[in-house]
C-alpha atoms as a PDB file:
ATOM      1  CA  UNK A   1     112.254  72.886  90.131  1.00  0.00           C
ATOM      2  CA  UNK A   2     109.735  71.991  87.536  1.00  0.00           C
ATOM      3  CA  UNK A   3     109.812  73.467  84.072  1.00  0.00           C
ATOM      4  CA  UNK A   4     107.140  76.111  84.188  1.00  0.00           C
ATOM      5  CA  UNK A   5     107.145  79.520  82.665  1.00  0.00           C
ATOM      6  CA  UNK A   6     108.065  82.498  84.792  1.00  0.00           C
ATOM      7  CA  UNK A   7     104.565  83.894  84.191  1.00  0.00           C
ATOM      8  CA  UNK A   8     102.906  80.677  85.395  1.00  0.00           C
ATOM      9  CA  UNK A   9     105.091  80.621  88.481  1.00  0.00           C
ATOM     10  CA  UNK A  10     104.460  84.307  89.264  1.00  0.00           C
ATOM     11  CA  UNK A  11     100.728  83.669  88.943  1.00  0.00           C
ATOM     12  CA  UNK A  12     100.893  80.710  91.372  1.00  0.00           C
ATOM     13  CA  UNK A  13     102.980  82.714  93.890  1.00  0.00           C
ATOM     14  CA  UNK A  14     100.660  85.734  93.735  1.00  0.00           C
ATOM     15  CA  UNK A  15      97.573  83.512  93.999  1.00  0.00           C
ATOM     16  CA  UNK A  16      98.992  81.841  97.130  1.00  0.00           C
ATOM     17  CA  UNK A  17      99.862  85.189  98.725  1.00  0.00           C
ATOM     18  CA  UNK A  18      96.369  86.502  97.964  1.00  0.00           C
ATOM     19  CA  UNK A  19      94.829  83.374  99.533  1.00  0.00           C
ATOM     20  CA  UNK A  20      96.929  84.003 102.644  1.00  0.00           C
ATOM     21  CA  UNK A  21      95.822  87.654 102.662  1.00  0.00           C
ATOM     22  CA  UNK A  22      92.191  86.533 102.557  1.00  0.00           C
ATOM     23  CA  UNK A  23      92.837  84.152 105.443  1.00  0.00           C
ATOM     24  CA  UNK A  24      95.032  86.356 107.669  1.00  0.00           C
ATOM     25  CA  UNK A  25      94.177  89.922 106.663  1.00  0.00           C
ATOM     26  CA  UNK A  26      97.503  90.890 105.121  1.00  0.00           C
ATOM     27  CA  UNK A  27      99.657  89.628 102.286  1.00  0.00           C
ATOM     28  CA  UNK A  28     102.619  87.736 103.788  1.00  0.00           C
ATOM     29  CA  UNK A  29     106.181  88.161 102.570  1.00  0.00           C
ATOM     30  CA  UNK A  30     108.589  85.257 102.179  1.00  0.00           C
ATOM     31  CA  UNK A  31     109.607  85.262 105.863  1.00  0.00           C
ATOM     32  CA  UNK A  32     105.991  85.317 107.034  1.00  0.00           C
ATOM     33  CA  UNK A  33     105.215  82.377 104.740  1.00  0.00           C
ATOM     34  CA  UNK A  34     108.143  80.437 106.209  1.00  0.00           C
ATOM     35  CA  UNK A  35     106.954  81.228 109.721  1.00  0.00           C
ATOM     36  CA  UNK A  36     103.438  79.986 108.854  1.00  0.00           C
ATOM     37  CA  UNK A  37     104.865  76.744 107.488  1.00  0.00           C
ATOM     38  CA  UNK A  38     107.080  76.297 110.557  1.00  0.00           C
ATOM     39  CA  UNK A  39     104.107  76.741 112.887  1.00  0.00           C
ATOM     40  CA  UNK A  40     102.098  74.301 110.733  1.00  0.00           C
ATOM     41  CA  UNK A  41     104.877  71.709 110.838  1.00  0.00           C
ATOM     42  CA  UNK A  42     105.402  72.091 114.581  1.00  0.00           C
ATOM     43  CA  UNK A  43     101.685  71.510 115.100  1.00  0.00           C
ATOM     44  CA  UNK A  44     101.491  73.160 118.536  1.00  0.00           C
ATOM     45  CA  UNK A  45      99.323  76.165 117.670  1.00  0.00           C
ATOM     46  CA  UNK A  46     100.143  79.784 116.926  1.00  0.00           C
ATOM     47  CA  UNK A  47     102.442  80.584 119.830  1.00  0.00           C
ATOM     48  CA  UNK A  48     103.491  82.873 121.423  1.00  0.00           C
ATOM     49  CA  UNK A  49     107.060  82.222 120.278  1.00  0.00           C
ATOM     50  CA  UNK A  50     110.307  83.906 121.233  1.00  0.00           C
ATOM     51  CA  UNK A  51     112.456  85.530 118.557  1.00  0.00           C
ATOM     52  CA  UNK A  52     114.791  82.511 118.684  1.00  0.00           C
ATOM     53  CA  UNK A  53     111.872  80.102 118.352  1.00  0.00           C
ATOM     54  CA  UNK A  54     110.607  82.066 115.330  1.00  0.00           C
ATOM     55  CA  UNK A  55     114.046  81.693 113.739  1.00  0.00           C
ATOM     56  CA  UNK A  56     113.922  77.958 114.506  1.00  0.00           C
ATOM     57  CA  UNK A  57     110.426  77.739 112.983  1.00  0.00           C
ATOM     58  CA  UNK A  58     111.652  79.414 109.805  1.00  0.00           C
ATOM     59  CA  UNK A  59     114.555  76.942 109.683  1.00  0.00           C
ATOM     60  CA  UNK A  60     112.126  74.027 110.098  1.00  0.00           C
ATOM     61  CA  UNK A  61     110.034  75.456 107.266  1.00  0.00           C
ATOM     62  CA  UNK A  62     113.027  75.873 104.981  1.00  0.00           C
ATOM     63  CA  UNK A  63     114.112  72.286 105.603  1.00  0.00           C
ATOM     64  CA  UNK A  64     110.544  71.012 105.172  1.00  0.00           C
ATOM     65  CA  UNK A  65     109.920  72.767 101.864  1.00  0.00           C
ATOM     66  CA  UNK A  66     113.334  71.736 100.511  1.00  0.00           C
ATOM     67  CA  UNK A  67     112.512  68.151 101.485  1.00  0.00           C
ATOM     68  CA  UNK A  68     110.034  68.263  98.558  1.00  0.00           C
ATOM     69  CA  UNK A  69     113.026  68.154  96.211  1.00  0.00           C
ATOM     70  CA  UNK A  70     115.038  65.733  98.345  1.00  0.00           C
ATOM     71  CA  UNK A  71     117.541  68.183  99.815  1.00  0.00           C
ATOM     72  CA  UNK A  72     116.490  67.451 103.409  1.00  0.00           C
ATOM     73  CA  UNK A  73     114.686  64.649 105.178  1.00  0.00           C
ATOM     74  CA  UNK A  74     113.086  64.473 108.579  1.00  0.00           C
ATOM     75  CA  UNK A  75     115.622  62.973 110.971  1.00  0.00           C
ATOM     76  CA  UNK A  76     113.688  62.966 114.239  1.00  0.00           C
ATOM     77  CA  UNK A  77     111.213  64.816 116.397  1.00  0.00           C
ATOM     78  CA  UNK A  78     112.616  65.791 119.791  1.00  0.00           C
ATOM     79  CA  UNK A  79     110.944  65.340 123.181  1.00  0.00           C
ATOM     80  CA  UNK A  80     109.351  68.815 122.864  1.00  0.00           C
ATOM     81  CA  UNK A  81     107.799  67.926 119.517  1.00  0.00           C
ATOM     82  CA  UNK A  82     110.205  69.977 117.383  1.00  0.00           C
ATOM     83  CA  UNK A  83     111.194  68.331 114.079  1.00  0.00           C
ATOM     84  CA  UNK A  84     114.864  68.051 113.158  1.00  0.00           C
ATOM     85  CA  UNK A  85     115.976  67.594 109.558  1.00  0.00           C
ATOM     86  CA  UNK A  86     119.189  66.368 108.075  1.00  0.00           C
ATOM     87  CA  UNK A  87     120.750  67.527 104.849  1.00  0.00           C
ATOM     88  CA  UNK A  88     120.618  64.757 102.245  1.00  0.00           C
ATOM     89  CA  UNK A  89     122.270  66.646  99.407  1.00  0.00           C
ATOM     90  CA  UNK A  90     123.475  70.224  99.161  1.00  0.00           C
ATOM     91  CA  UNK A  91     121.049  72.870  98.027  1.00  0.00           C
ATOM     92  CA  UNK A  92     122.544  74.294  94.811  1.00  0.00           C
ATOM     93  CA  UNK A  93     124.444  77.503  95.290  1.00  0.00           C
ATOM     94  CA  UNK A  94     122.516  80.440  93.923  1.00  0.00           C
ATOM     95  CA  UNK A  95     122.513  84.183  94.168  1.00  0.00           C
ATOM     96  CA  UNK A  96     119.994  85.842  96.475  1.00  0.00           C
ATOM     97  CA  UNK A  97     117.344  86.324  93.785  1.00  0.00           C
ATOM     98  CA  UNK A  98     117.644  82.680  92.684  1.00  0.00           C
ATOM     99  CA  UNK A  99     117.502  81.490  96.316  1.00  0.00           C
ATOM    100  CA  UNK A 100     114.350  83.522  96.873  1.00  0.00           C
ATOM    101  CA  UNK A 101     112.773  82.156  93.699  1.00  0.00           C
ATOM    102  CA  UNK A 102     113.690  78.598  94.697  1.00  0.00           C
ATOM    103  CA  UNK A 103     112.155  79.089  98.147  1.00  0.00           C
ATOM    104  CA  UNK A 104     109.009  80.616  96.643  1.00  0.00           C
ATOM    105  CA  UNK A 105     108.602  77.667  94.269  1.00  0.00           C
ATOM    106  CA  UNK A 106     108.984  75.170  97.109  1.00  0.00           C
ATOM    107  CA  UNK A 107     106.508  77.119  99.276  1.00  0.00           C
ATOM    108  CA  UNK A 108     103.910  77.036  96.485  1.00  0.00           C
ATOM    109  CA  UNK A 109     104.481  73.296  96.082  1.00  0.00           C
ATOM    110  CA  UNK A 110     104.161  72.803  99.854  1.00  0.00           C
ATOM    111  CA  UNK A 111     100.768  74.502  99.982  1.00  0.00           C
ATOM    112  CA  UNK A 112      99.631  72.704  96.819  1.00  0.00           C
ATOM    113  CA  UNK A 113     100.490  69.398  98.499  1.00  0.00           C
ATOM    114  CA  UNK A 114      98.374  70.329 101.537  1.00  0.00           C
ATOM    115  CA  UNK A 115      95.366  70.832  99.270  1.00  0.00           C
ATOM    116  CA  UNK A 116      95.910  67.362  97.794  1.00  0.00           C
ATOM    117  CA  UNK A 117      95.663  65.647 101.203  1.00  0.00           C
END
């Protein structure tokens, strides 16, 4: 993760969540953000999805955002259009708070990269 102050990061995270609230009507939590990214990456529209598919979408999102830092890379897309990632290098072990912070940082970077396209 980049060297940015905790205040700068918190501002970026809050700004992103507020942008999502403006777009979708409520401020998403971490899981909702992952689900949004998974749906975006799948590229098949908003569903409906089963509970298992939602879990798969969140897994896709986690792999996709961690690919920003080289932990995962896209391996293939299956016949149903679902992306499959492979672990390139282990994600550093962290406690729950650190894992959440790491995910949040990668989510912010993911959405920033979409704006750059």
